Amino acid sequence: MQRGFQMKTSNSKHKAFAFLGAAFVLLIALLFTACTDSSDASGGTPSTPIPPEGSFEDAGAFVKILPPTTGTEGLVPDPSSLPGNDPKWKGVFIAGRKVKLSPYVLGKTEVTYKLWKEVYDWAVKPENGYTFQNAGKKGSSGTGSEDEPVTTINWRDCIVWCNAYTQMTTGSDAECVYRKSETDTTVLKNSTAEADCDAAYADMDKKGYRLPTEAEWEYAARWQGNDNTNAVRYGDVWLTELNSASGAKKPIGFKELPILPVEGGWESLRDELTRVAVYDKWWDGSTIQQQDPKITKTAPVESKAANALGLYDMSGNVLEWCFDW
């Protein structure tokens, strides 16, 4: 079991039957001129106002996500549809809370070993001055494809790597997001400096790469706009059911479900989960079963269908790091 990361990163509880380990997802902290309009990365002319249900724009290897400017209303989830009643199953969008997100740009995939290694090799050169606790490896086996998520990296490695990626691509550390503190703006370059990393200050005025917040991650994993299939309405936005997988049109089968919620049997739930997620076990209505053939390792990114935003592996494959809890 491995954890990886996407440029969006999260150890999210929404990852369905995911392999454990350390993956992350990359996010670009772009500046936007106004909350009511979106602009391009260079601060260009704002585009059409964002509709109440939010929207998105394809941006190559990234997706520009434009949440509704009015925010997303939380609600009380149906307890009968969840595996448990503790907070970890209920997500960020809870009753009594309205979550307002600024536009952000998220990597379409978990960070691959290929990209991780390219940045890592540049960063650890003496003239660049970065140090990591972990070198990472190719997927869960360490001998897989370079297109599998990087794994066996920790949260501190991720924030330092984001700074390195920013400096490598811009030629300067001026736009690095992660600093020692709000008053000490030293760029974090050493993930073995645990106290400094644990106290990291995220300067959101910078335009560099960073981890998503938990709210940004969950919104991206669950957003369906005005499509109510397998979704619950949160204010103006339809978000995928909490008992489902990102991009799935049916719930995940698990023993706490009081009844089979759809036609086609428990196998139909398995098949829909298989369409969008890499995972190892499923509930057949009476017991937990292994996939056949057995799934024993991670898979290359984009091996499953994307969700409504065009993001891959938001459920399954590896868990992903977020900046906050």
C-alpha atoms as a PDB file:
ATOM      1  CA  MET A   1       0.000   0.000   0.000  1.00  0.00           C
ATOM      2  CA  GLN A   2       1.539   3.318  -1.085  1.00  0.00           C
ATOM      3  CA  ARG A   3       0.888   7.034  -0.845  1.00  0.00           C
ATOM      4  CA  GLY A   4       1.667   9.322  -3.773  1.00  0.00           C
ATOM      5  CA  PHE A   5       0.914  12.903  -4.783  1.00  0.00           C
ATOM      6  CA  GLN A   6      -0.632  15.016  -7.521  1.00  0.00           C
ATOM      7  CA  MET A   7      -0.105  18.702  -8.003  1.00  0.00           C
ATOM      8  CA  LYS A   8      -2.877  18.752  -5.828  1.00  0.00           C
ATOM      9  CA  THR A   9      -1.872  16.562  -2.873  1.00  0.00           C
ATOM     10  CA  SER A  10      -3.893  15.006  -0.296  1.00  0.00           C
ATOM     11  CA  ASN A  11      -4.078  12.229   2.230  1.00  0.00           C
ATOM     12  CA  SER A  12      -7.745  12.526   1.585  1.00  0.00           C
ATOM     13  CA  LYS A  13     -10.330  10.387   3.277  1.00  0.00           C
ATOM     14  CA  HIS A  14     -12.348  10.432   0.066  1.00  0.00           C
ATOM     15  CA  LYS A  15      -9.926   8.132  -1.744  1.00  0.00           C
ATOM     16  CA  ALA A  16     -11.920   4.969  -2.260  1.00  0.00           C
ATOM     17  CA  PHE A  17     -10.111   1.726  -1.456  1.00  0.00           C
ATOM     18  CA  ALA A  18      -6.888   3.507  -2.354  1.00  0.00           C
ATOM     19  CA  PHE A  19      -3.382   2.168  -2.088  1.00  0.00           C
ATOM     20  CA  LEU A  20      -1.669   3.867   0.839  1.00  0.00           C
ATOM     21  CA  GLY A  21       1.650   5.636   0.427  1.00  0.00           C
ATOM     22  CA  ALA A  22       2.664   9.182  -0.521  1.00  0.00           C
ATOM     23  CA  ALA A  23       1.505  10.755  -3.754  1.00  0.00           C
ATOM     24  CA  PHE A  24       0.592  14.339  -4.380  1.00  0.00           C
ATOM     25  CA  VAL A  25      -1.174  16.528  -6.851  1.00  0.00           C
ATOM     26  CA  LEU A  26       0.197  19.881  -7.977  1.00  0.00           C
ATOM     27  CA  LEU A  27      -1.654  23.116  -7.737  1.00  0.00           C
ATOM     28  CA  ILE A  28      -0.592  26.481  -9.121  1.00  0.00           C
ATOM     29  CA  ALA A  29      -1.340  29.380  -6.796  1.00  0.00           C
ATOM     30  CA  LEU A  30      -2.363  31.925  -9.400  1.00  0.00           C
ATOM     31  CA  LEU A  31      -3.395  35.454  -8.599  1.00  0.00           C
ATOM     32  CA  PHE A  32      -6.815  36.525  -9.796  1.00  0.00           C
ATOM     33  CA  THR A  33      -7.865  40.135 -10.099  1.00  0.00           C
ATOM     34  CA  ALA A  34     -11.383  39.654  -8.768  1.00  0.00           C
ATOM     35  CA  CYS A  35     -13.455  36.937  -7.132  1.00  0.00           C
ATOM     36  CA  THR A  36     -16.313  37.473  -9.588  1.00  0.00           C
ATOM     37  CA  ASP A  37     -14.284  36.934 -12.758  1.00  0.00           C
ATOM     38  CA  SER A  38     -11.551  34.591 -13.892  1.00  0.00           C
ATOM     39  CA  SER A  39      -8.360  35.753 -15.524  1.00  0.00           C
ATOM     40  CA  ASP A  40      -5.476  34.015 -17.169  1.00  0.00           C
ATOM     41  CA  ALA A  41      -2.193  33.263 -15.407  1.00  0.00           C
ATOM     42  CA  SER A  42      -0.638  36.492 -16.629  1.00  0.00           C
ATOM     43  CA  GLY A  43      -3.373  38.661 -15.134  1.00  0.00           C
ATOM     44  CA  GLY A  44      -5.088  39.236 -18.474  1.00  0.00           C
ATOM     45  CA  THR A  45      -8.584  40.399 -19.230  1.00  0.00           C
ATOM     46  CA  PRO A  46     -11.247  38.664 -17.107  1.00  0.00           C
ATOM     47  CA  SER A  47     -13.473  36.225 -18.963  1.00  0.00           C
ATOM     48  CA  THR A  48     -17.215  35.604 -18.673  1.00  0.00           C
ATOM     49  CA  PRO A  49     -18.520  35.802 -15.067  1.00  0.00           C
ATOM     50  CA  ILE A  50     -18.511  32.454 -13.269  1.00  0.00           C
ATOM     51  CA  PRO A  51     -21.970  30.810 -13.158  1.00  0.00           C
ATOM     52  CA  PRO A  52     -23.492  29.918  -9.760  1.00  0.00           C
ATOM     53  CA  GLU A  53     -22.715  26.220 -10.198  1.00  0.00           C
ATOM     54  CA  GLY A  54     -19.057  26.962 -10.988  1.00  0.00           C
ATOM     55  CA  SER A  55     -17.128  26.061 -14.125  1.00  0.00           C
ATOM     56  CA  PHE A  56     -13.720  24.979 -15.372  1.00  0.00           C
ATOM     57  CA  GLU A  57     -11.347  25.465 -18.275  1.00  0.00           C
ATOM     58  CA  ASP A  58      -8.925  22.947 -19.764  1.00  0.00           C
ATOM     59  CA  ALA A  59      -5.343  24.177 -19.468  1.00  0.00           C
ATOM     60  CA  GLY A  60      -3.247  21.386 -20.953  1.00  0.00           C
ATOM     61  CA  ALA A  61      -1.722  19.372 -18.113  1.00  0.00           C
ATOM     62  CA  PHE A  62      -3.838  21.388 -15.670  1.00  0.00           C
ATOM     63  CA  VAL A  63      -7.472  22.344 -15.131  1.00  0.00           C
ATOM     64  CA  LYS A  64      -8.439  25.889 -14.180  1.00  0.00           C
ATOM     65  CA  ILE A  65     -11.226  25.499 -11.615  1.00  0.00           C
ATOM     66  CA  LEU A  66     -13.652  28.384 -11.158  1.00  0.00           C
ATOM     67  CA  PRO A  67     -15.793  27.783  -8.034  1.00  0.00           C
ATOM     68  CA  PRO A  68     -19.035  29.750  -7.659  1.00  0.00           C
ATOM     69  CA  THR A  69     -18.339  33.217  -6.292  1.00  0.00           C
ATOM     70  CA  THR A  70     -21.258  32.828  -3.880  1.00  0.00           C
ATOM     71  CA  GLY A  71     -19.538  29.906  -2.132  1.00  0.00           C
ATOM     72  CA  THR A  72     -20.646  26.328  -1.530  1.00  0.00           C
ATOM     73  CA  GLU A  73     -23.238  25.687   1.177  1.00  0.00           C
ATOM     74  CA  GLY A  74     -22.624  22.795   3.535  1.00  0.00           C
ATOM     75  CA  LEU A  75     -25.290  20.343   4.658  1.00  0.00           C
ATOM     76  CA  VAL A  76     -25.928  17.346   6.880  1.00  0.00           C
ATOM     77  CA  PRO A  77     -25.207  14.136   4.917  1.00  0.00           C
ATOM     78  CA  ASP A  78     -27.572  11.186   5.024  1.00  0.00           C
ATOM     79  CA  PRO A  79     -26.039   9.014   7.785  1.00  0.00           C
ATOM     80  CA  SER A  80     -27.571   5.848   6.355  1.00  0.00           C
ATOM     81  CA  SER A  81     -25.377   6.152   3.254  1.00  0.00           C
ATOM     82  CA  LEU A  82     -22.045   6.428   5.093  1.00  0.00           C
ATOM     83  CA  PRO A  83     -19.770   3.730   6.586  1.00  0.00           C
ATOM     84  CA  GLY A  84     -19.607   5.662   9.869  1.00  0.00           C
ATOM     85  CA  ASN A  85     -20.833   8.762  11.651  1.00  0.00           C
ATOM     86  CA  ASP A  86     -17.486  10.284  12.647  1.00  0.00           C
ATOM     87  CA  PRO A  87     -16.383  13.537  10.976  1.00  0.00           C
ATOM     88  CA  LYS A  88     -13.906  11.953   8.559  1.00  0.00           C
ATOM     89  CA  TRP A  89     -16.761  10.567   6.446  1.00  0.00           C
ATOM     90  CA  LYS A  90     -18.613  13.881   6.140  1.00  0.00           C
ATOM     91  CA  GLY A  91     -16.108  15.956   4.210  1.00  0.00           C
ATOM     92  CA  VAL A  92     -15.464  19.689   4.293  1.00  0.00           C
ATOM     93  CA  PHE A  93     -18.886  20.908   3.200  1.00  0.00           C
ATOM     94  CA  ILE A  94     -20.763  20.469   6.478  1.00  0.00           C
ATOM     95  CA  ALA A  95     -23.921  22.065   7.858  1.00  0.00           C
ATOM     96  CA  GLY A  96     -23.495  25.622   9.123  1.00  0.00           C
ATOM     97  CA  ARG A  97     -20.459  26.302   6.947  1.00  0.00           C
ATOM     98  CA  LYS A  98     -20.212  28.061   3.601  1.00  0.00           C
ATOM     99  CA  VAL A  99     -16.919  27.421   1.814  1.00  0.00           C
ATOM    100  CA  LYS A 100     -15.758  30.156  -0.566  1.00  0.00           C
ATOM    101  CA  LEU A 101     -12.871  29.227  -2.840  1.00  0.00           C
ATOM    102  CA  SER A 102     -10.955  31.502  -5.180  1.00  0.00           C
ATOM    103  CA  PRO A 103     -10.189  30.187  -8.686  1.00  0.00           C
ATOM    104  CA  TYR A 104      -7.265  27.775  -8.738  1.00  0.00           C
ATOM    105  CA  VAL A 105      -5.374  25.568 -11.177  1.00  0.00           C
ATOM    106  CA  LEU A 106      -4.923  21.863 -10.458  1.00  0.00           C
ATOM    107  CA  GLY A 107      -2.797  19.186 -12.106  1.00  0.00           C
ATOM    108  CA  LYS A 108      -4.856  16.634 -14.014  1.00  0.00           C
ATOM    109  CA  THR A 109      -2.937  13.693 -12.597  1.00  0.00           C
ATOM    110  CA  GLU A 110      -1.040  12.577  -9.571  1.00  0.00           C
ATOM    111  CA  VAL A 111       2.591  13.624  -9.828  1.00  0.00           C
ATOM    112  CA  THR A 112       4.391  10.925 -11.771  1.00  0.00           C
ATOM    113  CA  TYR A 113       7.746   9.519 -10.807  1.00  0.00           C
ATOM    114  CA  LYS A 114       9.091  10.906 -14.101  1.00  0.00           C
ATOM    115  CA  LEU A 115       8.219  14.506 -13.183  1.00  0.00           C
ATOM    116  CA  TRP A 116       9.215  14.067  -9.548  1.00  0.00           C
ATOM    117  CA  LYS A 117      12.660  12.728 -10.542  1.00  0.00           C
ATOM    118  CA  GLU A 118      13.259  15.473 -13.096  1.00  0.00           C
ATOM    119  CA  VAL A 119      12.680  18.155 -10.462  1.00  0.00           C
ATOM    120  CA  TYR A 120      14.430  16.185  -7.703  1.00  0.00           C
ATOM    121  CA  ASP A 121      17.615  15.717  -9.754  1.00  0.00           C
ATOM    122  CA  TRP A 122      17.702  19.432 -10.544  1.00  0.00           C
ATOM    123  CA  ALA A 123      16.951  20.452  -6.955  1.00  0.00           C
ATOM    124  CA  VAL A 124      19.645  18.402  -5.190  1.00  0.00           C
ATOM    125  CA  LYS A 125      22.479  19.811  -7.287  1.00  0.00           C
ATOM    126  CA  PRO A 126      24.789  21.770  -4.944  1.00  0.00           C
ATOM    127  CA  GLU A 127      24.172  25.017  -6.787  1.00  0.00           C
ATOM    128  CA  ASN A 128      20.396  24.736  -6.226  1.00  0.00           C
ATOM    129  CA  GLY A 129      20.563  23.804  -2.548  1.00  0.00           C
ATOM    130  CA  TYR A 130      17.556  21.538  -1.944  1.00  0.00           C
ATOM    131  CA  THR A 131      17.542  18.544   0.426  1.00  0.00           C
ATOM    132  CA  PHE A 132      14.886  15.797   0.755  1.00  0.00           C
ATOM    133  CA  GLN A 133      14.153  13.163   3.366  1.00  0.00           C
ATOM    134  CA  ASN A 134      13.026  10.689   0.710  1.00  0.00           C
ATOM    135  CA  ALA A 135      14.047  10.161  -2.903  1.00  0.00           C
ATOM    136  CA  GLY A 136      10.687   8.658  -3.943  1.00  0.00           C
ATOM    137  CA  LYS A 137      10.119   5.593  -6.058  1.00  0.00           C
ATOM    138  CA  LYS A 138       8.147   4.409  -9.088  1.00  0.00           C
ATOM    139  CA  GLY A 139       4.686   3.494  -7.846  1.00  0.00           C
ATOM    140  CA  SER A 140       4.051   0.895  -5.180  1.00  0.00           C
ATOM    141  CA  SER A 141       6.624  -1.623  -6.405  1.00  0.00           C
ATOM    142  CA  GLY A 142       9.460   0.802  -7.044  1.00  0.00           C
ATOM    143  CA  THR A 143      10.131  -1.004 -10.313  1.00  0.00           C
ATOM    144  CA  GLY A 144       7.073   0.140 -12.231  1.00  0.00           C
ATOM    145  CA  SER A 145       6.584   2.629 -15.018  1.00  0.00           C
ATOM    146  CA  GLU A 146       7.852   6.200 -14.725  1.00  0.00           C
ATOM    147  CA  ASP A 147       4.241   7.167 -15.467  1.00  0.00           C
ATOM    148  CA  GLU A 148       3.066   5.688 -12.169  1.00  0.00           C
ATOM    149  CA  PRO A 149       2.671   8.095  -9.235  1.00  0.00           C
ATOM    150  CA  VAL A 150       5.749   8.816  -7.181  1.00  0.00           C
ATOM    151  CA  THR A 151       5.429   7.146  -3.770  1.00  0.00           C
ATOM    152  CA  THR A 152       7.172   6.881  -0.370  1.00  0.00           C
ATOM    153  CA  ILE A 153       7.510  10.639  -0.016  1.00  0.00           C
ATOM    154  CA  ASN A 154       6.174  12.607   2.906  1.00  0.00           C
ATOM    155  CA  TRP A 155       4.334  15.911   3.264  1.00  0.00           C
ATOM    156  CA  ARG A 156       7.523  17.853   3.988  1.00  0.00           C
ATOM    157  CA  ASP A 157       9.125  16.449   0.835  1.00  0.00           C
ATOM    158  CA  CYS A 158       6.095  17.635  -1.137  1.00  0.00           C
ATOM    159  CA  ILE A 159       6.139  21.260  -0.026  1.00  0.00           C
ATOM    160  CA  VAL A 160       9.895  21.518  -0.589  1.00  0.00           C
ATOM    161  CA  TRP A 161       9.518  19.855  -4.002  1.00  0.00           C
ATOM    162  CA  CYS A 162       6.817  22.380  -4.946  1.00  0.00           C
ATOM    163  CA  ASN A 163       9.263  25.186  -4.159  1.00  0.00           C
ATOM    164  CA  ALA A 164      11.937  23.442  -6.225  1.00  0.00           C
ATOM    165  CA  TYR A 165       9.569  23.010  -9.177  1.00  0.00           C
ATOM    166  CA  THR A 166       8.665  26.691  -8.987  1.00  0.00           C
ATOM    167  CA  GLN A 167      12.303  27.772  -8.959  1.00  0.00           C
ATOM    168  CA  MET A 168      13.293  25.325 -11.702  1.00  0.00           C
ATOM    169  CA  THR A 169      10.567  26.527 -14.065  1.00  0.00           C
ATOM    170  CA  THR A 170      10.785  30.257 -13.327  1.00  0.00           C
ATOM    171  CA  GLY A 171      14.526  30.610 -12.838  1.00  0.00           C
ATOM    172  CA  SER A 172      14.041  32.238  -9.439  1.00  0.00           C
ATOM    173  CA  ASP A 173      12.705  31.419  -5.967  1.00  0.00           C
ATOM    174  CA  ALA A 174      10.767  34.702  -5.854  1.00  0.00           C
ATOM    175  CA  GLU A 175       7.421  32.983  -6.508  1.00  0.00           C
ATOM    176  CA  CYS A 176       7.949  30.017  -4.155  1.00  0.00           C
ATOM    177  CA  VAL A 177       4.895  29.613  -1.937  1.00  0.00           C
ATOM    178  CA  TYR A 178       6.323  27.884   1.148  1.00  0.00           C
ATOM    179  CA  ARG A 179       8.278  30.116   3.524  1.00  0.00           C
ATOM    180  CA  LYS A 180       9.656  29.728   7.035  1.00  0.00           C
ATOM    181  CA  SER A 181       7.079  32.128   8.486  1.00  0.00           C
ATOM    182  CA  GLU A 182       5.018  35.170   7.588  1.00  0.00           C
ATOM    183  CA  THR A 183       7.793  37.443   8.870  1.00  0.00           C
ATOM    184  CA  ASP A 184      10.791  35.261   7.968  1.00  0.00           C
ATOM    185  CA  THR A 185      10.334  34.808   4.215  1.00  0.00           C
ATOM    186  CA  THR A 186      13.183  32.315   3.824  1.00  0.00           C
ATOM    187  CA  VAL A 187      12.191  29.784   1.143  1.00  0.00           C
ATOM    188  CA  LEU A 188      11.912  26.241   2.516  1.00  0.00           C
ATOM    189  CA  LYS A 189      14.448  24.054   0.727  1.00  0.00           C
ATOM    190  CA  ASN A 190      15.188  21.269   3.216  1.00  0.00           C
ATOM    191  CA  SER A 191      12.547  18.681   4.088  1.00  0.00           C
ATOM    192  CA  THR A 192      14.778  17.209   6.806  1.00  0.00           C
ATOM    193  CA  ALA A 193      14.334  20.487   8.737  1.00  0.00           C
ATOM    194  CA  GLU A 194      11.156  19.098  10.249  1.00  0.00           C
ATOM    195  CA  ALA A 195      10.328  21.933  12.642  1.00  0.00           C
ATOM    196  CA  ASP A 196      10.673  24.541   9.888  1.00  0.00           C
ATOM    197  CA  CYS A 197       8.505  22.528   7.487  1.00  0.00           C
ATOM    198  CA  ASP A 198       5.851  21.768  10.095  1.00  0.00           C
ATOM    199  CA  ALA A 199       5.535  25.492  10.791  1.00  0.00           C
ATOM    200  CA  ALA A 200       5.523  26.372   7.077  1.00  0.00           C
ATOM    201  CA  TYR A 201       3.800  29.559   5.990  1.00  0.00           C
ATOM    202  CA  ALA A 202       2.024  29.412   2.631  1.00  0.00           C
ATOM    203  CA  ASP A 203       2.313  32.795   0.931  1.00  0.00           C
ATOM    204  CA  MET A 204      -0.792  32.765  -1.247  1.00  0.00           C
ATOM    205  CA  ASP A 205       0.287  35.973  -2.985  1.00  0.00           C
ATOM    206  CA  LYS A 206       2.936  33.937  -4.795  1.00  0.00           C
ATOM    207  CA  LYS A 207       2.251  32.284  -8.147  1.00  0.00           C
ATOM    208  CA  GLY A 208       4.273  29.114  -7.607  1.00  0.00           C
ATOM    209  CA  TYR A 209       3.279  25.473  -7.264  1.00  0.00           C
ATOM    210  CA  ARG A 210       1.736  24.282  -4.023  1.00  0.00           C
ATOM    211  CA  LEU A 211      -0.465  21.613  -2.484  1.00  0.00           C
ATOM    212  CA  PRO A 212      -4.223  22.128  -2.556  1.00  0.00           C
ATOM    213  CA  THR A 213      -6.142  22.755   0.618  1.00  0.00           C
ATOM    214  CA  GLU A 214      -8.479  19.986   1.734  1.00  0.00           C
ATOM    215  CA  ALA A 215     -11.453  22.092   0.594  1.00  0.00           C
ATOM    216  CA  GLU A 216      -9.899  22.655  -2.854  1.00  0.00           C
ATOM    217  CA  TRP A 217      -9.160  18.946  -3.166  1.00  0.00           C
ATOM    218  CA  GLU A 218     -12.642  17.812  -2.154  1.00  0.00           C
ATOM    219  CA  TYR A 219     -14.390  20.353  -4.377  1.00  0.00           C
ATOM    220  CA  ALA A 220     -12.313  19.164  -7.347  1.00  0.00           C
ATOM    221  CA  ALA A 221     -12.970  15.501  -6.555  1.00  0.00           C
ATOM    222  CA  ARG A 222     -16.742  15.945  -6.200  1.00  0.00           C
ATOM    223  CA  TRP A 223     -17.793  18.828  -8.492  1.00  0.00           C
ATOM    224  CA  GLN A 224     -20.527  18.010 -11.006  1.00  0.00           C
ATOM    225  CA  GLY A 225     -21.825  21.495 -11.787  1.00  0.00           C
ATOM    226  CA  ASN A 226     -25.538  21.179 -12.575  1.00  0.00           C
ATOM    227  CA  ASP A 227     -25.435  17.397 -13.192  1.00  0.00           C
ATOM    228  CA  ASN A 228     -27.453  15.694 -10.445  1.00  0.00           C
ATOM    229  CA  THR A 229     -26.497  12.089 -11.337  1.00  0.00           C
ATOM    230  CA  ASN A 230     -25.318  10.308  -8.185  1.00  0.00           C
ATOM    231  CA  ALA A 231     -24.971  13.716  -6.544  1.00  0.00           C
ATOM    232  CA  VAL A 232     -26.296  15.927  -3.744  1.00  0.00           C
ATOM    233  CA  ARG A 233     -27.074  19.625  -4.119  1.00  0.00           C
ATOM    234  CA  TYR A 234     -24.925  21.963  -2.005  1.00  0.00           C
ATOM    235  CA  GLY A 235     -26.423  25.400  -2.631  1.00  0.00           C
ATOM    236  CA  ASP A 236     -26.136  25.920  -6.389  1.00  0.00           C
ATOM    237  CA  VAL A 237     -23.627  23.124  -6.950  1.00  0.00           C
ATOM    238  CA  TRP A 238     -24.117  19.367  -7.329  1.00  0.00           C
ATOM    239  CA  LEU A 239     -21.359  17.377  -5.625  1.00  0.00           C
ATOM    240  CA  THR A 240     -20.837  13.627  -5.997  1.00  0.00           C
ATOM    241  CA  GLU A 241     -22.351  11.551  -3.195  1.00  0.00           C
ATOM    242  CA  LEU A 242     -20.002  10.962  -0.264  1.00  0.00           C
ATOM    243  CA  ASN A 243     -20.486   7.208  -0.596  1.00  0.00           C
ATOM    244  CA  SER A 244     -19.163   7.202  -4.147  1.00  0.00           C
ATOM    245  CA  ALA A 245     -15.917   7.629  -6.077  1.00  0.00           C
ATOM    246  CA  SER A 246     -14.789  10.672  -8.016  1.00  0.00           C
ATOM    247  CA  GLY A 247     -16.357  10.543 -11.472  1.00  0.00           C
ATOM    248  CA  ALA A 248     -18.575   7.533 -10.677  1.00  0.00           C
ATOM    249  CA  LYS A 249     -22.262   7.378 -11.575  1.00  0.00           C
ATOM    250  CA  LYS A 250     -23.081   4.911  -8.797  1.00  0.00           C
ATOM    251  CA  PRO A 251     -22.130   4.516  -5.108  1.00  0.00           C
ATOM    252  CA  ILE A 252     -19.391   2.237  -3.857  1.00  0.00           C
ATOM    253  CA  GLY A 253     -20.680  -1.027  -2.432  1.00  0.00           C
ATOM    254  CA  PHE A 254     -20.006  -1.518   1.281  1.00  0.00           C
ATOM    255  CA  LYS A 255     -21.674  -3.535   4.001  1.00  0.00           C
ATOM    256  CA  GLU A 256     -23.164  -0.510   5.823  1.00  0.00           C
ATOM    257  CA  LEU A 257     -25.431   0.293   2.870  1.00  0.00           C
ATOM    258  CA  PRO A 258     -28.890  -0.769   4.094  1.00  0.00           C
ATOM    259  CA  ILE A 259     -30.036  -1.967   0.659  1.00  0.00           C
ATOM    260  CA  LEU A 260     -28.623  -2.305  -2.816  1.00  0.00           C
ATOM    261  CA  PRO A 261     -29.345   1.230  -4.089  1.00  0.00           C
ATOM    262  CA  VAL A 262     -29.419   0.513  -7.850  1.00  0.00           C
ATOM    263  CA  GLU A 263     -30.434  -2.178 -10.298  1.00  0.00           C
ATOM    264  CA  GLY A 264     -27.847  -4.569 -11.653  1.00  0.00           C
ATOM    265  CA  GLY A 265     -26.549  -6.112  -8.445  1.00  0.00           C
ATOM    266  CA  TRP A 266     -23.470  -5.393  -6.383  1.00  0.00           C
ATOM    267  CA  GLU A 267     -21.373  -6.288  -9.414  1.00  0.00           C
ATOM    268  CA  SER A 268     -22.694  -3.187 -11.174  1.00  0.00           C
ATOM    269  CA  LEU A 269     -21.282  -1.058  -8.351  1.00  0.00           C
ATOM    270  CA  ARG A 270     -17.955  -2.861  -8.680  1.00  0.00           C
ATOM    271  CA  ASP A 271     -17.885  -2.324 -12.445  1.00  0.00           C
ATOM    272  CA  GLU A 272     -18.594   1.396 -12.137  1.00  0.00           C
ATOM    273  CA  LEU A 273     -15.881   1.787  -9.507  1.00  0.00           C
ATOM    274  CA  THR A 274     -13.493  -0.145 -11.752  1.00  0.00           C
ATOM    275  CA  ARG A 275     -14.208   2.324 -14.554  1.00  0.00           C
ATOM    276  CA  VAL A 276     -12.865   5.294 -12.558  1.00  0.00           C
ATOM    277  CA  ALA A 277     -10.515   3.906  -9.890  1.00  0.00           C
ATOM    278  CA  VAL A 278      -7.578   1.560  -9.321  1.00  0.00           C
ATOM    279  CA  TYR A 279      -8.427  -0.422  -6.177  1.00  0.00           C
ATOM    280  CA  ASP A 280      -7.991  -3.909  -4.787  1.00  0.00           C
ATOM    281  CA  LYS A 281     -11.194  -5.085  -3.053  1.00  0.00           C
ATOM    282  CA  TRP A 282     -14.962  -4.785  -3.427  1.00  0.00           C
ATOM    283  CA  TRP A 283     -18.133  -5.707  -1.482  1.00  0.00           C
ATOM    284  CA  ASP A 284     -20.254  -8.392  -3.185  1.00  0.00           C
ATOM    285  CA  GLY A 285     -23.273  -8.017  -0.895  1.00  0.00           C
ATOM    286  CA  SER A 286     -22.036 -10.439   1.740  1.00  0.00           C
ATOM    287  CA  THR A 287     -18.217 -10.402   1.885  1.00  0.00           C
ATOM    288  CA  ILE A 288     -15.182  -8.419   0.797  1.00  0.00           C
ATOM    289  CA  GLN A 289     -13.734  -9.839  -2.424  1.00  0.00           C
ATOM    290  CA  GLN A 290     -10.406  -9.364  -4.176  1.00  0.00           C
ATOM    291  CA  GLN A 291     -10.443  -8.038  -7.702  1.00  0.00           C
ATOM    292  CA  ASP A 292     -10.025 -10.768 -10.315  1.00  0.00           C
ATOM    293  CA  PRO A 293      -7.358 -10.583 -11.608  1.00  0.00           C
ATOM    294  CA  LYS A 294      -5.909  -9.415  -8.312  1.00  0.00           C
ATOM    295  CA  ILE A 295      -4.742  -5.796  -8.126  1.00  0.00           C
ATOM    296  CA  THR A 296      -1.465  -5.690  -6.221  1.00  0.00           C
ATOM    297  CA  LYS A 297       0.180  -2.439  -7.302  1.00  0.00           C
ATOM    298  CA  THR A 298      -0.376   1.081  -8.523  1.00  0.00           C
ATOM    299  CA  ALA A 299      -1.100   1.865 -12.169  1.00  0.00           C
ATOM    300  CA  PRO A 300       0.114   4.585 -14.554  1.00  0.00           C
ATOM    301  CA  VAL A 301      -1.822   7.837 -14.210  1.00  0.00           C
ATOM    302  CA  GLU A 302      -4.755   8.318 -16.614  1.00  0.00           C
ATOM    303  CA  SER A 303      -5.358   4.561 -16.754  1.00  0.00           C
ATOM    304  CA  LYS A 304      -8.965   5.117 -15.635  1.00  0.00           C
ATOM    305  CA  ALA A 305     -11.712   7.525 -16.700  1.00  0.00           C
ATOM    306  CA  ALA A 306     -11.507  11.170 -15.635  1.00  0.00           C
ATOM    307  CA  ASN A 307     -14.064  12.910 -13.427  1.00  0.00           C
ATOM    308  CA  ALA A 308     -16.322  15.818 -14.449  1.00  0.00           C
ATOM    309  CA  LEU A 309     -13.418  18.290 -14.274  1.00  0.00           C
ATOM    310  CA  GLY A 310     -11.095  16.103 -16.334  1.00  0.00           C
ATOM    311  CA  LEU A 311      -9.034  15.031 -13.308  1.00  0.00           C
ATOM    312  CA  TYR A 312      -7.738  11.469 -12.988  1.00  0.00           C
ATOM    313  CA  ASP A 313      -7.302   9.151  -9.988  1.00  0.00           C
ATOM    314  CA  MET A 314      -9.084  11.417  -7.525  1.00  0.00           C
ATOM    315  CA  SER A 315     -10.278   8.083  -6.130  1.00  0.00           C
ATOM    316  CA  GLY A 316      -8.000   5.065  -5.999  1.00  0.00           C
ATOM    317  CA  ASN A 317      -4.407   4.373  -7.078  1.00  0.00           C
ATOM    318  CA  VAL A 318      -2.690   6.351  -4.267  1.00  0.00           C
ATOM    319  CA  LEU A 319      -3.725   8.640  -1.451  1.00  0.00           C
ATOM    320  CA  GLU A 320      -2.859  12.287  -2.004  1.00  0.00           C
ATOM    321  CA  TRP A 321      -1.417  15.000   0.209  1.00  0.00           C
ATOM    322  CA  CYS A 322      -3.200  18.276   0.966  1.00  0.00           C
ATOM    323  CA  PHE A 323      -1.597  21.287   2.657  1.00  0.00           C
ATOM    324  CA  ASP A 324      -4.044  21.218   5.601  1.00  0.00           C
ATOM    325  CA  TRP A 325      -6.266  18.706   7.342  1.00  0.00           C
END
